[in-house]
């Protein structure tokens, strides 16, 4: 019998709790114009097409390739980078060194107003060789004729920030707490 009384007492207590909760509950309504003010604030957020495209290109994504496709992509990339003939010198360009191959330097730096490449091939001059961003997309490029060899280089952003190349195949300690990027220009017997 005591079990039945405990159960009935628990049931009565549960009903009292429900009554109390029912009296406490009340509907909450947003103030007049709240929805319209939120929608106005959302519409005022700038949404530039160029920014969305840049975010899409810069956002990291996993890349999955089968071994066959990976090998094919590596061969194609090597063909583009290593077998490209040097660009002819334009009017006013300094003559390229004999046997030089054109090496393309690329840096994605949308925050930069100027980018230069410098390295041991320029005695680390901060003025270096300017990279161009003709489309204003933050992708800076320069084609530099270099004789065959192994070179260390870095980018100088806005004349003050020295940044290694995140796309470089190799990097080495510069002896000052930073790293330099390494580029190998094929050809000749030195490489």
Protein backbone atom coordinates (compact mmCIF):
# COMPACT_ATOMS: atom_id res chain seq x y z
CA UNK A 1 0.00 0.00 0.00
CA UNK A 2 2.78 2.45 0.80
CA UNK A 3 4.05 2.09 -2.77
CA UNK A 4 0.64 3.13 -4.06
CA UNK A 5 0.51 6.17 -1.77
CA UNK A 6 4.02 7.27 -2.87
CA UNK A 7 2.96 6.98 -6.49
CA UNK A 8 -0.25 8.91 -5.93
CA UNK A 9 1.63 11.60 -3.97
CA UNK A 10 4.15 11.94 -6.81
CA UNK A 11 1.34 12.28 -9.33
CA UNK A 12 -0.37 14.98 -7.30
CA UNK A 13 2.93 16.86 -6.99
CA UNK A 14 3.49 16.62 -10.73
CA UNK A 15 0.04 18.12 -11.36
CA UNK A 16 0.79 21.03 -9.00
CA UNK A 17 4.07 21.73 -10.83
CA UNK A 18 2.21 21.77 -14.16
CA UNK A 19 -0.35 24.23 -12.79
CA UNK A 20 2.39 26.53 -11.54
CA UNK A 21 4.25 26.38 -14.87
CA UNK A 22 1.02 27.10 -16.73
CA UNK A 23 0.46 30.24 -14.72
CA UNK A 24 4.05 31.44 -15.28
CA UNK A 25 4.04 30.94 -19.04
CA UNK A 26 3.14 33.87 -21.17
CA UNK A 27 3.72 34.63 -24.81
CA UNK A 28 6.53 37.02 -25.61
CA UNK A 29 6.15 39.26 -28.63
CA UNK A 30 8.88 41.30 -30.30
CA UNK A 31 8.37 45.04 -30.19
CA UNK A 32 6.68 46.66 -33.17
CA UNK A 33 9.09 47.22 -36.07
CA UNK A 34 11.68 44.76 -34.72
CA UNK A 35 11.52 42.49 -37.78
CA UNK A 36 11.84 45.45 -40.18
CA UNK A 37 14.86 46.87 -38.31
CA UNK A 38 16.64 43.49 -38.39
CA UNK A 39 16.00 43.13 -42.12
CA UNK A 40 17.31 46.68 -42.77
CA UNK A 41 20.50 45.87 -40.84
CA UNK A 42 21.00 42.68 -42.88
CA UNK A 43 20.50 44.54 -46.15
CA UNK A 44 23.07 47.18 -45.15
CA UNK A 45 25.89 44.61 -44.81
CA UNK A 46 28.18 45.17 -47.82
CA UNK A 47 28.30 42.15 -50.09
CA UNK A 48 30.83 42.68 -52.83
CA UNK A 49 31.04 40.12 -55.59
CA UNK A 50 34.82 40.53 -55.77
CA UNK A 51 35.19 39.79 -52.05
CA UNK A 52 33.09 36.63 -52.34
CA UNK A 53 35.19 35.42 -55.31
CA UNK A 54 38.43 36.17 -53.44
CA UNK A 55 37.16 34.33 -50.35
CA UNK A 56 36.23 31.36 -52.53
CA UNK A 57 39.73 31.22 -54.05
CA UNK A 58 41.56 31.68 -50.73
CA UNK A 59 39.49 29.31 -48.58
CA UNK A 60 41.39 26.02 -48.09
CA UNK A 61 39.68 22.93 -49.45
CA UNK A 62 40.72 19.30 -49.44
CA UNK A 63 41.98 18.06 -52.79
CA UNK A 64 41.46 14.40 -53.54
CA UNK A 65 43.20 12.85 -56.51
CA UNK A 66 43.72 9.28 -57.53
CA UNK A 67 47.42 8.39 -57.92
CA UNK A 68 47.03 8.39 -61.71
CA UNK A 69 45.42 11.83 -61.77
CA UNK A 70 48.01 13.16 -59.30
CA UNK A 71 50.85 11.93 -61.52
CA UNK A 72 49.19 13.45 -64.58
CA UNK A 73 48.77 16.81 -62.78
CA UNK A 74 52.43 16.75 -61.63
CA UNK A 75 53.66 16.05 -65.18
CA UNK A 76 51.49 18.85 -66.58
CA UNK A 77 52.71 21.30 -63.94
CA UNK A 78 56.34 20.34 -64.54
CA UNK A 79 55.80 20.87 -68.25
CA UNK A 80 54.35 24.33 -67.65
CA UNK A 81 57.08 25.39 -65.24
CA UNK A 82 60.18 23.77 -66.67
CA UNK A 83 59.64 23.55 -70.40
CA UNK A 84 58.31 27.07 -70.97
CA UNK A 85 60.54 29.01 -73.36
CA UNK A 86 61.90 32.31 -72.08
CA UNK A 87 59.82 35.36 -72.94
CA UNK A 88 61.40 37.68 -75.46
CA UNK A 89 62.84 40.84 -74.00
CA UNK A 90 60.71 43.87 -74.74
CA UNK A 91 61.95 47.31 -75.69
CA UNK A 92 63.85 48.88 -72.82
CA UNK A 93 64.31 45.56 -70.98
CA UNK A 94 67.78 44.66 -69.87
CA UNK A 95 69.24 41.81 -71.85
CA UNK A 96 68.63 38.46 -70.20
CA UNK A 97 71.72 36.49 -69.18
CA UNK A 98 72.82 33.89 -71.72
CA UNK A 99 71.08 30.57 -71.04
CA UNK A 100 68.58 32.21 -68.69
CA UNK A 101 65.15 30.74 -68.16
CA UNK A 102 62.16 32.86 -67.25
CA UNK A 103 61.00 32.11 -63.72
CA UNK A 104 57.55 33.29 -62.69
CA UNK A 105 57.16 34.54 -59.12
CA UNK A 106 53.57 34.68 -57.80
CA UNK A 107 52.22 35.88 -54.46
CA UNK A 108 48.60 36.20 -53.36
CA UNK A 109 48.51 39.29 -51.15
CA UNK A 110 45.22 41.19 -51.46
CA UNK A 111 46.21 43.52 -48.60
CA UNK A 112 49.41 44.70 -50.34
CA UNK A 113 49.85 47.96 -52.23
CA UNK A 114 53.24 46.90 -53.63
CA UNK A 115 55.19 43.65 -53.82
CA UNK A 116 58.82 43.09 -54.87
CA UNK A 117 60.85 39.92 -55.12
CA UNK A 118 64.44 39.92 -53.96
CA UNK A 119 67.02 37.27 -53.27
CA UNK A 120 70.61 36.21 -53.58
CA UNK A 121 70.34 36.85 -57.34
CA UNK A 122 69.84 40.58 -56.47
CA UNK A 123 72.16 40.79 -53.44
CA UNK A 124 68.99 41.00 -51.28
CA UNK A 125 68.16 44.53 -52.43
CA UNK A 126 64.84 45.57 -50.76
CA UNK A 127 63.82 47.35 -53.99
CA UNK A 128 64.11 44.02 -55.82
CA UNK A 129 62.00 43.40 -58.89
CA UNK A 130 58.41 44.69 -58.75
CA UNK A 131 55.53 42.27 -59.12
CA UNK A 132 52.39 43.48 -60.88
CA UNK A 133 48.72 43.06 -60.04
CA UNK A 134 47.14 44.36 -63.28
CA UNK A 135 43.61 43.17 -62.45
CA UNK A 136 43.62 44.39 -58.85
CA UNK A 137 42.76 40.93 -57.53
CA UNK A 138 45.64 40.66 -55.07
CA UNK A 139 47.53 38.14 -57.23
CA UNK A 140 50.99 39.64 -57.85
CA UNK A 141 53.30 38.22 -60.57
CA UNK A 142 56.66 38.87 -62.20
CA UNK A 143 58.61 36.95 -64.83
CA UNK A 144 62.35 37.09 -64.06
CA UNK A 145 65.06 35.67 -66.36
CA UNK A 146 67.53 33.69 -64.24
CA UNK A 147 70.50 31.59 -65.32
CA UNK A 148 70.42 27.91 -64.30
CA UNK A 149 71.10 27.43 -60.61
CA UNK A 150 69.61 27.30 -57.12
CA UNK A 151 68.45 30.60 -55.63
CA UNK A 152 67.04 31.84 -52.33
CA UNK A 153 64.41 34.55 -52.46
CA UNK A 154 61.64 36.32 -50.54
CA UNK A 155 58.93 38.90 -51.18
CA UNK A 156 58.98 42.45 -49.81
CA UNK A 157 55.45 43.74 -49.22
CA UNK A 158 54.83 47.49 -49.07
CA UNK A 159 58.58 48.05 -48.63
CA UNK A 160 58.67 46.77 -45.05
CA UNK A 161 57.33 43.22 -44.62
CA UNK A 162 59.61 40.41 -45.78
CA UNK A 163 57.49 37.31 -46.47
CA UNK A 164 58.57 33.88 -47.71
CA UNK A 165 56.69 32.29 -50.61
CA UNK A 166 53.94 29.99 -49.26
CA UNK A 167 53.90 28.20 -52.63
CA UNK A 168 57.64 27.46 -52.70
CA UNK A 169 58.70 23.84 -53.02
CA UNK A 170 61.46 24.33 -50.45
CA UNK A 171 62.48 26.82 -47.76
CA UNK A 172 65.70 27.28 -45.78
CA UNK A 173 66.60 29.09 -42.56
CA UNK A 174 67.95 32.58 -43.33
CA UNK A 175 70.08 32.73 -40.17
CA UNK A 176 68.02 35.63 -38.76
CA UNK A 177 65.01 33.71 -37.42
CA UNK A 178 63.07 33.69 -40.70
CA UNK A 179 63.03 31.44 -43.75
CA UNK A 180 63.88 32.07 -47.39
CA UNK A 181 62.15 30.33 -50.25
CA UNK A 182 64.18 28.30 -52.73
CA UNK A 183 63.76 28.12 -56.51
CA UNK A 184 65.69 25.81 -58.80
CA UNK A 185 66.22 27.00 -62.38
CA UNK A 186 66.97 23.94 -64.51
CA UNK A 187 69.58 23.74 -67.26
CA UNK A 188 73.33 23.52 -67.35
CA UNK A 189 75.43 21.06 -65.33
CA UNK A 190 75.15 22.89 -61.97
CA UNK A 191 71.66 21.56 -61.24
